[in-house]
Amino acid sequence: MRARTSAALLLLAALAAACATPASGTVEGAVLRYGYAPGADLAYELEAAMSLDMTAAGNPQAAGAMEAEMDMSVTGRLDLAFAVGPTPDTIEITIAQELLEGGARITTMGEEVLIPLADLAAQMEEEMVLVVDAQGRPIAASIDGIALPARLLSGLSGFTGGQMLTPQQFGPEFPDTPLYVGASWETDQSADVLGLPFTQHGEHEVVAEEEIEGRHVYRIDSRLTTGAIRTDLAALLAALAQYPEMLGGSDPAELEAGLAQFESMGVGVAIEMREATSTMTTWFDPAAGIVVRAALDNPMTMTMSMRGIPGGDVEVIMDMRSEQRLTLAA
């Protein structure tokens, strides 16, 4: 099964670039707005790193096979092109990601495997086309020509101008009130995606005015806290089976057969994504209405409790941390 996690995150991240309202000016106390509009093209240099530490306890035989470590580091380029949408008051955004350098290392059961850049690119380089309305709400989307289901998009509606439930790449949601150095605001979002209730609370502050490559920018610090999520494997697979487009060509019948086998064996897997707080710094050009630079640190911890396995239960803990740095290309 080809992982679609990167595509889903890219879909959410793209919503941050969807506001088509022109910037309101550079004076102190201005109402900030994203200025992306049809005809615009933007390119960002990307630096990304991710580490994963998976440990297990309980059934010795099963636990040993589940422990793993991974480290990945890549550089790349993210291209965004904006065009008039298919209906009035909509905008179409084409997002393409290209990896340039890097690789990954995975260690399992004492053996180390190196993943070359070409293999990472085969999984991560995807082109996405997103159509949003004037407020940035998603109307339609496709990844590598495969349309995403409308029900999935509807669960993401209302996340405009930087609003999303996983930390975004392009900047925070701005309020309707003027902002200046020292000004702070909060945001709250919620949605139901694949049957899972997501919530996120954001705390944002304009901390400084700076100059970057001749641009006058506001530096904005954000803390984004995503609430805990609890589910089980059966419910998650059942929800995913409703969207065969997201299975990367895998047969939904095979997914159902695997789930039935688990259930017949009496095996249960409880999953919990713990509450996590990400930090983001955004350098925003208020005159142009664009993000010039962004830095994101995103920790995440997930636990899986596996019951009914022959030989004893297993508790798996996955600690993951990802870092991203985006810089507007010259």
C-alpha atoms as a PDB file:
ATOM      1  CA  MET A   1       0.000   0.000   0.000  1.00  0.00           C
ATOM      2  CA  ARG A   2       1.454   3.356  -0.984  1.00  0.00           C
ATOM      3  CA  ALA A   3       1.393   5.708   1.962  1.00  0.00           C
ATOM      4  CA  ARG A   4      -0.828   8.732   1.461  1.00  0.00           C
ATOM      5  CA  THR A   5       0.117  10.447   4.708  1.00  0.00           C
ATOM      6  CA  SER A   6       2.309  13.035   3.019  1.00  0.00           C
ATOM      7  CA  ALA A   7      -0.476  13.815   0.550  1.00  0.00           C
ATOM      8  CA  ALA A   8      -3.023  14.278   3.319  1.00  0.00           C
ATOM      9  CA  LEU A   9      -0.682  16.619   5.178  1.00  0.00           C
ATOM     10  CA  LEU A  10      -0.017  18.515   1.981  1.00  0.00           C
ATOM     11  CA  LEU A  11      -3.766  18.885   1.448  1.00  0.00           C
ATOM     12  CA  LEU A  12      -4.130  20.435   4.881  1.00  0.00           C
ATOM     13  CA  ALA A  13      -1.050  22.580   4.463  1.00  0.00           C
ATOM     14  CA  ALA A  14      -2.313  23.923   1.153  1.00  0.00           C
ATOM     15  CA  LEU A  15      -5.314  25.481   2.846  1.00  0.00           C
ATOM     16  CA  ALA A  16      -2.934  27.968   4.460  1.00  0.00           C
ATOM     17  CA  ALA A  17      -2.211  29.422   1.017  1.00  0.00           C
ATOM     18  CA  ALA A  18      -5.816  29.642  -0.075  1.00  0.00           C
ATOM     19  CA  CYS A  19      -6.849  33.140   0.976  1.00  0.00           C
ATOM     20  CA  ALA A  20      -7.190  35.303  -2.144  1.00  0.00           C
ATOM     21  CA  THR A  21      -7.852  38.631  -0.405  1.00  0.00           C
ATOM     22  CA  PRO A  22      -5.173  41.269  -1.143  1.00  0.00           C
ATOM     23  CA  ALA A  23      -2.985  42.511   1.691  1.00  0.00           C
ATOM     24  CA  SER A  24      -4.247  45.600   3.465  1.00  0.00           C
ATOM     25  CA  GLY A  25      -0.987  47.525   3.799  1.00  0.00           C
ATOM     26  CA  THR A  26       2.165  47.856   5.860  1.00  0.00           C
ATOM     27  CA  VAL A  27       1.233  50.417   8.506  1.00  0.00           C
ATOM     28  CA  GLU A  28       1.426  49.376  12.123  1.00  0.00           C
ATOM     29  CA  GLY A  29      -1.908  48.116  13.309  1.00  0.00           C
ATOM     30  CA  ALA A  30      -2.903  46.789   9.871  1.00  0.00           C
ATOM     31  CA  VAL A  31      -5.364  43.953   9.368  1.00  0.00           C
ATOM     32  CA  LEU A  32      -3.191  41.217   7.837  1.00  0.00           C
ATOM     33  CA  ARG A  33      -4.430  39.227   4.861  1.00  0.00           C
ATOM     34  CA  TYR A  34      -2.889  36.626   2.564  1.00  0.00           C
ATOM     35  CA  GLY A  35      -2.444  38.065  -0.924  1.00  0.00           C
ATOM     36  CA  TYR A  36      -2.339  34.900  -3.042  1.00  0.00           C
ATOM     37  CA  ALA A  37      -4.436  35.374  -6.184  1.00  0.00           C
ATOM     38  CA  PRO A  38      -4.937  33.892  -9.671  1.00  0.00           C
ATOM     39  CA  GLY A  39      -1.852  34.300 -11.813  1.00  0.00           C
ATOM     40  CA  ALA A  40       0.576  34.207  -8.895  1.00  0.00           C
ATOM     41  CA  ASP A  41       3.418  31.688  -8.656  1.00  0.00           C
ATOM     42  CA  LEU A  42       5.479  31.012  -5.566  1.00  0.00           C
ATOM     43  CA  ALA A  43       8.397  28.691  -4.898  1.00  0.00           C
ATOM     44  CA  TYR A  44       9.845  27.701  -1.537  1.00  0.00           C
ATOM     45  CA  GLU A  45      13.104  26.004  -0.635  1.00  0.00           C
ATOM     46  CA  LEU A  46      12.364  23.176   1.784  1.00  0.00           C
ATOM     47  CA  GLU A  47      14.484  21.608   4.507  1.00  0.00           C
ATOM     48  CA  ALA A  48      12.797  18.750   6.341  1.00  0.00           C
ATOM     49  CA  ALA A  49      13.885  16.213   8.934  1.00  0.00           C
ATOM     50  CA  MET A  50      12.006  13.509  10.782  1.00  0.00           C
ATOM     51  CA  SER A  51      12.940  11.039  13.494  1.00  0.00           C
ATOM     52  CA  LEU A  52      10.927   8.077  14.763  1.00  0.00           C
ATOM     53  CA  ASP A  53      11.614   5.919  17.813  1.00  0.00           C
ATOM     54  CA  MET A  54       9.271   2.951  18.223  1.00  0.00           C
ATOM     55  CA  THR A  55       9.558   0.875  21.391  1.00  0.00           C
ATOM     56  CA  ALA A  56       7.468  -2.059  22.600  1.00  0.00           C
ATOM     57  CA  ALA A  57       6.864  -3.907  25.865  1.00  0.00           C
ATOM     58  CA  GLY A  58       5.041  -7.068  26.839  1.00  0.00           C
ATOM     59  CA  ASN A  59       5.104 -10.231  24.732  1.00  0.00           C
ATOM     60  CA  PRO A  60       8.890 -10.615  24.160  1.00  0.00           C
ATOM     61  CA  GLN A  61       8.663 -12.268  20.752  1.00  0.00           C
ATOM     62  CA  ALA A  62       6.178  -9.802  19.294  1.00  0.00           C
ATOM     63  CA  ALA A  63       7.674  -6.748  21.003  1.00  0.00           C
ATOM     64  CA  GLY A  64      11.148  -7.364  19.633  1.00  0.00           C
ATOM     65  CA  ALA A  65       9.857  -7.472  16.073  1.00  0.00           C
ATOM     66  CA  MET A  66       8.022  -4.170  16.487  1.00  0.00           C
ATOM     67  CA  GLU A  67      10.855  -1.977  17.765  1.00  0.00           C
ATOM     68  CA  ALA A  68      12.380   0.338  15.175  1.00  0.00           C
ATOM     69  CA  GLU A  69      14.190   3.629  14.629  1.00  0.00           C
ATOM     70  CA  MET A  70      14.114   5.958  11.635  1.00  0.00           C
ATOM     71  CA  ASP A  71      15.897   9.167  10.716  1.00  0.00           C
ATOM     72  CA  MET A  72      15.196  11.134   7.551  1.00  0.00           C
ATOM     73  CA  SER A  73      16.612  14.377   6.223  1.00  0.00           C
ATOM     74  CA  VAL A  74      15.824  15.942   2.845  1.00  0.00           C
ATOM     75  CA  THR A  75      15.999  19.202   0.970  1.00  0.00           C
ATOM     76  CA  GLY A  76      13.565  20.072  -1.758  1.00  0.00           C
ATOM     77  CA  ARG A  77      11.421  22.617  -3.520  1.00  0.00           C
ATOM     78  CA  LEU A  78       7.722  23.373  -3.201  1.00  0.00           C
ATOM     79  CA  ASP A  79       6.041  25.135  -6.143  1.00  0.00           C
ATOM     80  CA  LEU A  80       2.596  26.752  -5.861  1.00  0.00           C
ATOM     81  CA  ALA A  81       0.691  28.085  -8.873  1.00  0.00           C
ATOM     82  CA  PHE A  82      -2.606  29.970  -8.522  1.00  0.00           C
ATOM     83  CA  ALA A  83      -5.258  30.150 -11.240  1.00  0.00           C
ATOM     84  CA  VAL A  84      -8.919  31.064 -11.683  1.00  0.00           C
ATOM     85  CA  GLY A  85     -11.155  28.257 -10.435  1.00  0.00           C
ATOM     86  CA  PRO A  86     -13.796  26.417 -12.458  1.00  0.00           C
ATOM     87  CA  THR A  87     -16.664  28.447 -10.980  1.00  0.00           C
ATOM     88  CA  PRO A  88     -16.995  32.118  -9.955  1.00  0.00           C
ATOM     89  CA  ASP A  89     -15.229  33.154  -6.756  1.00  0.00           C
ATOM     90  CA  THR A  90     -13.046  30.048  -6.671  1.00  0.00           C
ATOM     91  CA  ILE A  91      -9.292  29.693  -7.046  1.00  0.00           C
ATOM     92  CA  GLU A  92      -7.295  26.680  -8.203  1.00  0.00           C
ATOM     93  CA  ILE A  93      -3.958  25.908  -6.551  1.00  0.00           C
ATOM     94  CA  THR A  94      -1.474  23.486  -8.090  1.00  0.00           C
ATOM     95  CA  ILE A  95       1.108  22.254  -5.590  1.00  0.00           C
ATOM     96  CA  ALA A  96       4.172  20.291  -6.672  1.00  0.00           C
ATOM     97  CA  GLN A  97       6.908  18.963  -4.406  1.00  0.00           C
ATOM     98  CA  GLU A  98      10.363  17.948  -5.625  1.00  0.00           C
ATOM     99  CA  LEU A  99      13.038  16.350  -3.458  1.00  0.00           C
ATOM    100  CA  LEU A 100      16.598  17.378  -4.271  1.00  0.00           C
ATOM    101  CA  GLU A 101      18.933  15.762  -1.735  1.00  0.00           C
ATOM    102  CA  GLY A 102      18.790  13.489   1.275  1.00  0.00           C
ATOM    103  CA  GLY A 103      17.762  10.026   2.357  1.00  0.00           C
ATOM    104  CA  ALA A 104      16.619   7.974   5.333  1.00  0.00           C
ATOM    105  CA  ARG A 105      17.909   5.262   7.655  1.00  0.00           C
ATOM    106  CA  ILE A 106      15.687   2.607   9.239  1.00  0.00           C
ATOM    107  CA  THR A 107      16.847   0.162  11.931  1.00  0.00           C
ATOM    108  CA  THR A 108      14.764  -2.900  12.830  1.00  0.00           C
ATOM    109  CA  MET A 109      15.817  -5.995  14.795  1.00  0.00           C
ATOM    110  CA  GLY A 110      19.408  -4.761  14.815  1.00  0.00           C
ATOM    111  CA  GLU A 111      19.627  -4.366  11.051  1.00  0.00           C
ATOM    112  CA  GLU A 112      20.094  -0.985   9.386  1.00  0.00           C
ATOM    113  CA  VAL A 113      18.621  -0.196   5.979  1.00  0.00           C
ATOM    114  CA  LEU A 114      19.421   2.953   4.018  1.00  0.00           C
ATOM    115  CA  ILE A 115      16.592   4.429   1.931  1.00  0.00           C
ATOM    116  CA  PRO A 116      17.967   6.408  -1.048  1.00  0.00           C
ATOM    117  CA  LEU A 117      16.527   9.689  -2.259  1.00  0.00           C
ATOM    118  CA  ALA A 118      14.947   8.060  -5.311  1.00  0.00           C
ATOM    119  CA  ASP A 119      12.831   5.754  -3.142  1.00  0.00           C
ATOM    120  CA  LEU A 120      11.719   8.628  -0.923  1.00  0.00           C
ATOM    121  CA  ALA A 121      10.836  10.704  -3.972  1.00  0.00           C
ATOM    122  CA  ALA A 122       8.669   7.875  -5.326  1.00  0.00           C
ATOM    123  CA  GLN A 123       6.570   8.077  -2.148  1.00  0.00           C
ATOM    124  CA  MET A 124       6.604  11.819  -1.480  1.00  0.00           C
ATOM    125  CA  GLU A 125       6.699  13.625  -4.842  1.00  0.00           C
ATOM    126  CA  GLU A 126       3.051  14.173  -5.671  1.00  0.00           C
ATOM    127  CA  GLU A 127       1.205  16.898  -7.532  1.00  0.00           C
ATOM    128  CA  MET A 128      -1.950  18.169  -5.974  1.00  0.00           C
ATOM    129  CA  VAL A 129      -4.661  20.388  -7.453  1.00  0.00           C
ATOM    130  CA  LEU A 130      -6.915  22.081  -4.913  1.00  0.00           C
ATOM    131  CA  VAL A 131      -9.971  24.245  -5.654  1.00  0.00           C
ATOM    132  CA  VAL A 132     -11.126  26.578  -2.877  1.00  0.00           C
ATOM    133  CA  ASP A 133     -13.797  29.246  -2.549  1.00  0.00           C
ATOM    134  CA  ALA A 134     -13.241  32.910  -1.677  1.00  0.00           C
ATOM    135  CA  GLN A 135     -12.926  32.037   2.022  1.00  0.00           C
ATOM    136  CA  GLY A 136     -10.440  29.249   1.333  1.00  0.00           C
ATOM    137  CA  ARG A 137     -12.851  26.369   1.908  1.00  0.00           C
ATOM    138  CA  PRO A 138     -11.947  23.298  -0.211  1.00  0.00           C
ATOM    139  CA  ILE A 139     -14.374  22.568  -3.035  1.00  0.00           C
ATOM    140  CA  ALA A 140     -12.464  19.838  -4.868  1.00  0.00           C
ATOM    141  CA  ALA A 141      -9.027  18.257  -4.759  1.00  0.00           C
ATOM    142  CA  SER A 142      -7.002  15.633  -6.582  1.00  0.00           C
ATOM    143  CA  ILE A 143      -3.637  14.010  -5.927  1.00  0.00           C
ATOM    144  CA  ASP A 144      -1.724  12.748  -8.960  1.00  0.00           C
ATOM    145  CA  GLY A 145      -4.990  12.935 -10.895  1.00  0.00           C
ATOM    146  CA  ILE A 146      -6.983  10.924  -8.333  1.00  0.00           C
ATOM    147  CA  ALA A 147      -9.931  12.911  -6.965  1.00  0.00           C
ATOM    148  CA  LEU A 148     -10.368  12.984  -3.216  1.00  0.00           C
ATOM    149  CA  PRO A 149     -13.877  12.147  -1.957  1.00  0.00           C
ATOM    150  CA  ALA A 150     -16.195  15.050  -1.233  1.00  0.00           C
ATOM    151  CA  ARG A 151     -16.969  13.689   2.242  1.00  0.00           C
ATOM    152  CA  LEU A 152     -13.321  13.978   3.187  1.00  0.00           C
ATOM    153  CA  LEU A 153     -13.193  17.553   1.908  1.00  0.00           C
ATOM    154  CA  SER A 154     -16.367  18.510   3.775  1.00  0.00           C
ATOM    155  CA  GLY A 155     -14.738  17.472   7.013  1.00  0.00           C
ATOM    156  CA  LEU A 156     -12.047  20.063   6.374  1.00  0.00           C
ATOM    157  CA  SER A 157     -14.342  22.950   5.452  1.00  0.00           C
ATOM    158  CA  GLY A 158     -13.837  26.274   7.158  1.00  0.00           C
ATOM    159  CA  PHE A 159     -10.061  26.032   7.445  1.00  0.00           C
ATOM    160  CA  THR A 160      -9.030  29.156   5.595  1.00  0.00           C
ATOM    161  CA  GLY A 161      -6.041  31.463   5.436  1.00  0.00           C
ATOM    162  CA  GLY A 162      -3.821  29.186   7.511  1.00  0.00           C
ATOM    163  CA  GLN A 163      -6.429  27.322   9.541  1.00  0.00           C
ATOM    164  CA  MET A 164      -5.888  23.591   9.845  1.00  0.00           C
ATOM    165  CA  LEU A 165      -5.716  20.832  12.401  1.00  0.00           C
ATOM    166  CA  THR A 166      -2.186  19.690  11.844  1.00  0.00           C
ATOM    167  CA  PRO A 167       0.549  22.320  11.924  1.00  0.00           C
ATOM    168  CA  GLN A 168       0.532  24.180   8.662  1.00  0.00           C
ATOM    169  CA  GLN A 169       3.495  25.178   6.533  1.00  0.00           C
ATOM    170  CA  PHE A 170       2.398  28.597   5.329  1.00  0.00           C
ATOM    171  CA  GLY A 171       1.337  30.667   8.313  1.00  0.00           C
ATOM    172  CA  PRO A 172      -1.351  31.246  10.933  1.00  0.00           C
ATOM    173  CA  GLU A 173      -4.961  32.262  10.652  1.00  0.00           C
ATOM    174  CA  PHE A 174      -5.252  36.038  10.984  1.00  0.00           C
ATOM    175  CA  PRO A 175      -8.019  37.784  12.945  1.00  0.00           C
ATOM    176  CA  ASP A 176     -10.188  40.614  11.604  1.00  0.00           C
ATOM    177  CA  THR A 177      -8.592  43.097  14.035  1.00  0.00           C
ATOM    178  CA  PRO A 178      -5.410  45.145  13.399  1.00  0.00           C
ATOM    179  CA  LEU A 179      -2.128  43.505  14.416  1.00  0.00           C
ATOM    180  CA  TYR A 180       1.096  45.109  15.630  1.00  0.00           C
ATOM    181  CA  VAL A 181       4.183  44.091  17.607  1.00  0.00           C
ATOM    182  CA  GLY A 182       2.956  42.722  20.924  1.00  0.00           C
ATOM    183  CA  ALA A 183      -0.518  41.842  19.653  1.00  0.00           C
ATOM    184  CA  SER A 184      -1.720  38.302  20.395  1.00  0.00           C
ATOM    185  CA  TRP A 185      -4.773  36.252  19.450  1.00  0.00           C
ATOM    186  CA  GLU A 186      -6.142  32.731  19.774  1.00  0.00           C
ATOM    187  CA  THR A 187      -7.783  30.324  17.358  1.00  0.00           C
ATOM    188  CA  ASP A 188      -9.876  27.182  17.837  1.00  0.00           C
ATOM    189  CA  GLN A 189     -10.733  24.647  15.168  1.00  0.00           C
ATOM    190  CA  SER A 190     -12.475  21.296  15.048  1.00  0.00           C
ATOM    191  CA  ALA A 191     -13.402  18.793  12.360  1.00  0.00           C
ATOM    192  CA  ASP A 192     -14.354  15.193  11.837  1.00  0.00           C
ATOM    193  CA  VAL A 193     -11.993  13.387   9.447  1.00  0.00           C
ATOM    194  CA  LEU A 194     -12.362   9.677   8.741  1.00  0.00           C
ATOM    195  CA  GLY A 195     -14.603   9.440  11.779  1.00  0.00           C
ATOM    196  CA  LEU A 196     -12.004  10.960  14.096  1.00  0.00           C
ATOM    197  CA  PRO A 197     -12.749  14.213  15.960  1.00  0.00           C
ATOM    198  CA  PHE A 198      -9.816  16.606  15.623  1.00  0.00           C
ATOM    199  CA  THR A 199      -9.462  19.748  17.736  1.00  0.00           C
ATOM    200  CA  GLN A 200      -6.712  22.342  17.742  1.00  0.00           C
ATOM    201  CA  HIS A 201      -6.113  25.431  19.880  1.00  0.00           C
ATOM    202  CA  GLY A 202      -3.694  28.058  18.614  1.00  0.00           C
ATOM    203  CA  GLU A 203      -1.938  30.875  20.472  1.00  0.00           C
ATOM    204  CA  HIS A 204      -0.262  33.467  18.237  1.00  0.00           C
ATOM    205  CA  GLU A 205       1.754  36.645  18.830  1.00  0.00           C
ATOM    206  CA  VAL A 206       3.487  39.234  16.659  1.00  0.00           C
ATOM    207  CA  VAL A 207       6.864  39.370  18.404  1.00  0.00           C
ATOM    208  CA  ALA A 208       8.985  41.624  16.156  1.00  0.00           C
ATOM    209  CA  GLU A 209       9.407  43.583  12.940  1.00  0.00           C
ATOM    210  CA  GLU A 210      12.405  42.482  10.865  1.00  0.00           C
ATOM    211  CA  GLU A 211      14.034  42.889   7.462  1.00  0.00           C
ATOM    212  CA  ILE A 212      14.599  39.816   5.250  1.00  0.00           C
ATOM    213  CA  GLU A 213      16.114  40.239   1.777  1.00  0.00           C
ATOM    214  CA  GLY A 214      14.876  43.816   1.637  1.00  0.00           C
ATOM    215  CA  ARG A 215      11.376  42.908   2.787  1.00  0.00           C
ATOM    216  CA  HIS A 216       9.743  44.394   5.865  1.00  0.00           C
ATOM    217  CA  VAL A 217       8.194  41.453   7.729  1.00  0.00           C
ATOM    218  CA  TYR A 218       6.372  40.628  10.930  1.00  0.00           C
ATOM    219  CA  ARG A 219       7.771  37.695  12.899  1.00  0.00           C
ATOM    220  CA  ILE A 220       4.888  35.710  14.388  1.00  0.00           C
ATOM    221  CA  ASP A 221       5.277  32.944  16.978  1.00  0.00           C
ATOM    222  CA  SER A 222       2.540  30.315  17.228  1.00  0.00           C
ATOM    223  CA  ARG A 223       1.796  27.423  19.580  1.00  0.00           C
ATOM    224  CA  LEU A 224      -0.641  24.872  18.169  1.00  0.00           C
ATOM    225  CA  THR A 225      -2.031  22.267  20.567  1.00  0.00           C
ATOM    226  CA  THR A 226      -3.855  19.325  19.008  1.00  0.00           C
ATOM    227  CA  GLY A 227      -6.109  17.357  21.342  1.00  0.00           C
ATOM    228  CA  ALA A 228      -5.776  13.648  22.028  1.00  0.00           C
ATOM    229  CA  ILE A 229      -7.467  11.221  19.636  1.00  0.00           C
ATOM    230  CA  ARG A 230      -8.542   7.692  20.570  1.00  0.00           C
ATOM    231  CA  THR A 231      -9.767   4.958  18.245  1.00  0.00           C
ATOM    232  CA  ASP A 232      -9.132   1.308  17.408  1.00  0.00           C
ATOM    233  CA  LEU A 233      -7.745  -0.422  14.361  1.00  0.00           C
ATOM    234  CA  ALA A 234     -11.073  -1.924  13.324  1.00  0.00           C
ATOM    235  CA  ALA A 235     -12.812   1.463  13.260  1.00  0.00           C
ATOM    236  CA  LEU A 236      -9.894   3.116  11.468  1.00  0.00           C
ATOM    237  CA  LEU A 237      -9.680   0.476   8.750  1.00  0.00           C
ATOM    238  CA  ALA A 238     -13.450   0.483   8.313  1.00  0.00           C
ATOM    239  CA  ALA A 239     -13.398   4.266   7.793  1.00  0.00           C
ATOM    240  CA  LEU A 240     -10.466   4.033   5.379  1.00  0.00           C
ATOM    241  CA  ALA A 241     -12.217   1.329   3.373  1.00  0.00           C
ATOM    242  CA  GLN A 242     -14.877   3.889   2.452  1.00  0.00           C
ATOM    243  CA  TYR A 243     -12.224   5.833   0.522  1.00  0.00           C
ATOM    244  CA  PRO A 244     -10.512   3.393  -1.880  1.00  0.00           C
ATOM    245  CA  GLU A 245      -8.906   6.432  -3.554  1.00  0.00           C
ATOM    246  CA  MET A 246      -6.685   6.765  -0.496  1.00  0.00           C
ATOM    247  CA  LEU A 247      -5.429   3.165  -0.617  1.00  0.00           C
ATOM    248  CA  GLY A 248      -2.892   3.784  -3.365  1.00  0.00           C
ATOM    249  CA  GLY A 249      -4.201   1.011  -5.604  1.00  0.00           C
ATOM    250  CA  SER A 250      -4.584  -1.634  -2.899  1.00  0.00           C
ATOM    251  CA  ASP A 251      -7.629  -3.868  -3.065  1.00  0.00           C
ATOM    252  CA  PRO A 252     -10.258  -2.848  -0.472  1.00  0.00           C
ATOM    253  CA  ALA A 253     -11.310  -6.511  -0.315  1.00  0.00           C
ATOM    254  CA  GLU A 254      -7.853  -7.427   0.975  1.00  0.00           C
ATOM    255  CA  LEU A 255      -8.216  -4.788   3.673  1.00  0.00           C
ATOM    256  CA  GLU A 256     -11.562  -6.212   4.723  1.00  0.00           C
ATOM    257  CA  ALA A 257     -10.168  -9.766   4.718  1.00  0.00           C
ATOM    258  CA  GLY A 258      -7.281  -8.756   6.947  1.00  0.00           C
ATOM    259  CA  LEU A 259      -9.631  -7.014   9.348  1.00  0.00           C
ATOM    260  CA  ALA A 260     -11.906 -10.079   9.466  1.00  0.00           C
ATOM    261  CA  GLN A 261      -8.927 -12.286  10.274  1.00  0.00           C
ATOM    262  CA  PHE A 262      -7.927 -10.035  13.151  1.00  0.00           C
ATOM    263  CA  GLU A 263     -11.456 -10.102  14.524  1.00  0.00           C
ATOM    264  CA  SER A 264     -11.755 -13.902  14.206  1.00  0.00           C
ATOM    265  CA  MET A 265      -8.564 -14.294  16.240  1.00  0.00           C
ATOM    266  CA  GLY A 266      -9.919 -12.031  18.942  1.00  0.00           C
ATOM    267  CA  VAL A 267      -7.108  -9.531  18.446  1.00  0.00           C
ATOM    268  CA  GLY A 268      -7.887  -5.926  19.350  1.00  0.00           C
ATOM    269  CA  VAL A 269      -5.719  -2.857  18.761  1.00  0.00           C
ATOM    270  CA  ALA A 270      -6.454   0.373  20.621  1.00  0.00           C
ATOM    271  CA  ILE A 271      -4.791   3.513  19.219  1.00  0.00           C
ATOM    272  CA  GLU A 272      -4.191   6.833  20.956  1.00  0.00           C
ATOM    273  CA  MET A 273      -2.623   9.992  19.578  1.00  0.00           C
ATOM    274  CA  ARG A 274      -1.584  11.934  22.635  1.00  0.00           C
ATOM    275  CA  GLU A 275      -2.114  15.673  22.995  1.00  0.00           C
ATOM    276  CA  ALA A 276       0.785  17.472  21.340  1.00  0.00           C
ATOM    277  CA  THR A 277       1.927  21.084  21.034  1.00  0.00           C
ATOM    278  CA  SER A 278       3.777  22.238  17.940  1.00  0.00           C
ATOM    279  CA  THR A 279       5.648  25.507  17.584  1.00  0.00           C
ATOM    280  CA  MET A 280       5.760  27.610  14.448  1.00  0.00           C
ATOM    281  CA  THR A 281       7.479  30.855  13.534  1.00  0.00           C
ATOM    282  CA  THR A 282       6.252  32.755  10.488  1.00  0.00           C
ATOM    283  CA  TRP A 283       7.921  35.722   8.790  1.00  0.00           C
ATOM    284  CA  PHE A 284       5.065  37.481   6.978  1.00  0.00           C
ATOM    285  CA  ASP A 285       5.360  40.301   4.445  1.00  0.00           C
ATOM    286  CA  PRO A 286       2.240  42.437   5.074  1.00  0.00           C
ATOM    287  CA  ALA A 287       2.699  44.510   1.907  1.00  0.00           C
ATOM    288  CA  ALA A 288       2.789  41.517  -0.444  1.00  0.00           C
ATOM    289  CA  GLY A 289       0.546  39.336   1.708  1.00  0.00           C
ATOM    290  CA  ILE A 290       2.880  36.332   1.544  1.00  0.00           C
ATOM    291  CA  VAL A 291       4.971  34.194   3.859  1.00  0.00           C
ATOM    292  CA  VAL A 292       8.681  34.781   3.321  1.00  0.00           C
ATOM    293  CA  ARG A 293       9.964  32.180   5.751  1.00  0.00           C
ATOM    294  CA  ALA A 294       8.456  29.585   8.087  1.00  0.00           C
ATOM    295  CA  ALA A 295       9.871  27.196  10.685  1.00  0.00           C
ATOM    296  CA  LEU A 296       7.891  24.354  12.221  1.00  0.00           C
ATOM    297  CA  ASP A 297       8.688  21.871  15.002  1.00  0.00           C
ATOM    298  CA  ASN A 298       6.065  19.146  15.295  1.00  0.00           C
ATOM    299  CA  PRO A 299       6.284  16.407  17.982  1.00  0.00           C
ATOM    300  CA  MET A 300       3.837  13.506  18.094  1.00  0.00           C
ATOM    301  CA  THR A 301       3.395  10.431  20.294  1.00  0.00           C
ATOM    302  CA  MET A 302       1.146   7.514  19.413  1.00  0.00           C
ATOM    303  CA  THR A 303       0.494   4.382  21.461  1.00  0.00           C
ATOM    304  CA  MET A 304      -0.952   1.067  20.292  1.00  0.00           C
ATOM    305  CA  SER A 305      -2.235  -1.484  22.796  1.00  0.00           C
ATOM    306  CA  MET A 306      -2.553  -4.916  21.178  1.00  0.00           C
ATOM    307  CA  ARG A 307      -4.731  -7.413  23.054  1.00  0.00           C
ATOM    308  CA  GLY A 308      -5.434 -11.065  22.392  1.00  0.00           C
ATOM    309  CA  ILE A 309      -2.118 -11.840  20.709  1.00  0.00           C
ATOM    310  CA  PRO A 310      -0.806 -15.381  21.341  1.00  0.00           C
ATOM    311  CA  GLY A 311       1.984 -15.156  23.876  1.00  0.00           C
ATOM    312  CA  GLY A 312       0.700 -12.025  25.623  1.00  0.00           C
ATOM    313  CA  ASP A 313      -0.348  -8.443  25.039  1.00  0.00           C
ATOM    314  CA  VAL A 314       1.935  -5.792  23.573  1.00  0.00           C
ATOM    315  CA  GLU A 315       2.178  -2.040  24.206  1.00  0.00           C
ATOM    316  CA  VAL A 316       3.842  -0.026  21.424  1.00  0.00           C
ATOM    317  CA  ILE A 317       4.926   3.612  21.804  1.00  0.00           C
ATOM    318  CA  MET A 318       5.922   5.673  18.752  1.00  0.00           C
ATOM    319  CA  ASP A 319       7.655   9.001  19.395  1.00  0.00           C
ATOM    320  CA  MET A 320       8.015  11.094  16.252  1.00  0.00           C
ATOM    321  CA  ARG A 321       9.381  14.574  15.688  1.00  0.00           C
ATOM    322  CA  SER A 322       9.404  16.432  12.383  1.00  0.00           C
ATOM    323  CA  GLU A 323      11.002  19.758  11.539  1.00  0.00           C
ATOM    324  CA  GLN A 324      10.397  21.865   8.449  1.00  0.00           C
ATOM    325  CA  ARG A 325      11.991  25.055   7.227  1.00  0.00           C
ATOM    326  CA  LEU A 326      10.543  26.944   4.258  1.00  0.00           C
ATOM    327  CA  THR A 327      12.248  29.908   2.581  1.00  0.00           C
ATOM    328  CA  LEU A 328      10.784  31.881  -0.306  1.00  0.00           C
ATOM    329  CA  ALA A 329      13.005  31.251  -3.330  1.00  0.00           C
ATOM    330  CA  ALA A 330      14.606  34.242  -5.015  1.00  0.00           C
END
